[in-house]
């Protein structure tokens, strides 16, 4: 019996990583800027580093918005640990 391996999704050419901690007043504009500047095969990784304000919620909204548009955004939520 032969098994067909699942097709692998090719890795993006560019990875952009943005750490964020308690920057709810600025994070939306920062994310918008990343997506506006890059018109290539890329993934955006946002790391919510233990924010206690609305940063995490704003990042979740952006992730949902861009995933529905077929763009790659990965959100990592973690306890405060520094970038």
Protein backbone atom coordinates (compact mmCIF):
# COMPACT_ATOMS: atom_id res chain seq x y z
CA UNK A 1 0.00 0.00 0.00
CA UNK A 2 1.53 3.31 -1.03
CA UNK A 3 0.95 6.47 0.90
CA UNK A 4 0.85 9.84 -0.72
CA UNK A 5 2.62 12.42 1.40
CA UNK A 6 0.77 15.67 1.84
CA UNK A 7 2.09 18.41 -0.41
CA UNK A 8 4.47 20.76 1.36
CA UNK A 9 3.73 24.45 1.34
CA UNK A 10 6.85 26.24 0.14
CA UNK A 11 8.55 28.45 2.68
CA UNK A 12 8.18 32.17 2.03
CA UNK A 13 11.12 34.10 0.65
CA UNK A 14 10.95 36.70 3.43
CA UNK A 15 10.03 36.47 7.12
CA UNK A 16 9.29 39.68 9.01
CA UNK A 17 9.28 39.37 12.80
CA UNK A 18 7.85 42.11 15.02
CA UNK A 19 7.97 41.88 18.82
CA UNK A 20 5.32 43.92 20.64
CA UNK A 21 4.74 44.76 24.29
CA UNK A 22 2.03 47.19 25.47
CA UNK A 23 1.91 49.23 22.26
CA UNK A 24 -1.81 49.22 21.53
CA UNK A 25 -1.65 52.89 20.48
CA UNK A 26 0.87 52.10 17.71
CA UNK A 27 0.64 48.44 16.72
CA UNK A 28 -2.10 48.84 14.12
CA UNK A 29 -0.10 51.40 12.16
CA UNK A 30 3.05 49.27 12.45
CA UNK A 31 1.30 46.19 11.03
CA UNK A 32 -0.32 48.24 8.27
CA UNK A 33 3.11 49.62 7.36
CA UNK A 34 4.64 46.14 7.06
CA UNK A 35 1.93 44.95 4.69
CA UNK A 36 2.05 48.17 2.66
CA UNK A 37 5.81 48.02 2.10
CA UNK A 38 6.22 44.39 1.18
CA UNK A 39 4.78 43.17 -2.09
CA UNK A 40 6.45 39.78 -2.20
CA UNK A 41 6.20 36.23 -0.97
CA UNK A 42 6.51 36.81 2.77
CA UNK A 43 5.18 35.85 6.15
CA UNK A 44 4.66 38.25 9.01
CA UNK A 45 5.28 36.94 12.52
CA UNK A 46 4.04 39.14 15.36
CA UNK A 47 5.13 38.23 18.88
CA UNK A 48 2.88 39.59 21.62
CA UNK A 49 5.36 39.63 24.50
CA UNK A 50 3.06 39.53 27.52
CA UNK A 51 1.13 42.73 26.80
CA UNK A 52 -1.38 43.78 29.42
CA UNK A 53 -3.10 46.39 27.24
CA UNK A 54 -5.04 45.83 23.99
CA UNK A 55 -2.02 44.85 21.87
CA UNK A 56 -2.91 41.15 21.70
CA UNK A 57 -6.50 41.82 20.71
CA UNK A 58 -5.44 44.26 17.98
CA UNK A 59 -2.95 41.74 16.60
CA UNK A 60 -5.65 39.05 16.54
CA UNK A 61 -7.90 41.38 14.54
CA UNK A 62 -5.12 42.05 12.02
CA UNK A 63 -4.32 38.34 11.74
CA UNK A 64 -7.95 37.53 10.98
CA UNK A 65 -8.18 40.36 8.46
CA UNK A 66 -5.07 39.33 6.54
CA UNK A 67 -5.75 35.59 6.68
CA UNK A 68 -9.14 36.22 5.11
CA UNK A 69 -7.32 38.09 2.34
CA UNK A 70 -4.93 35.16 1.80
CA UNK A 71 -1.88 36.80 3.41
CA UNK A 72 0.39 35.07 5.93
CA UNK A 73 0.40 36.38 9.48
CA UNK A 74 1.43 34.28 12.44
CA UNK A 75 0.65 35.51 15.93
CA UNK A 76 2.67 34.22 18.86
CA UNK A 77 1.37 35.02 22.33
CA UNK A 78 3.82 34.51 25.17
CA UNK A 79 4.55 35.61 28.69
CA UNK A 80 6.79 38.63 29.07
CA UNK A 81 10.29 37.51 28.28
CA UNK A 82 11.91 40.15 26.08
CA UNK A 83 12.62 39.98 22.39
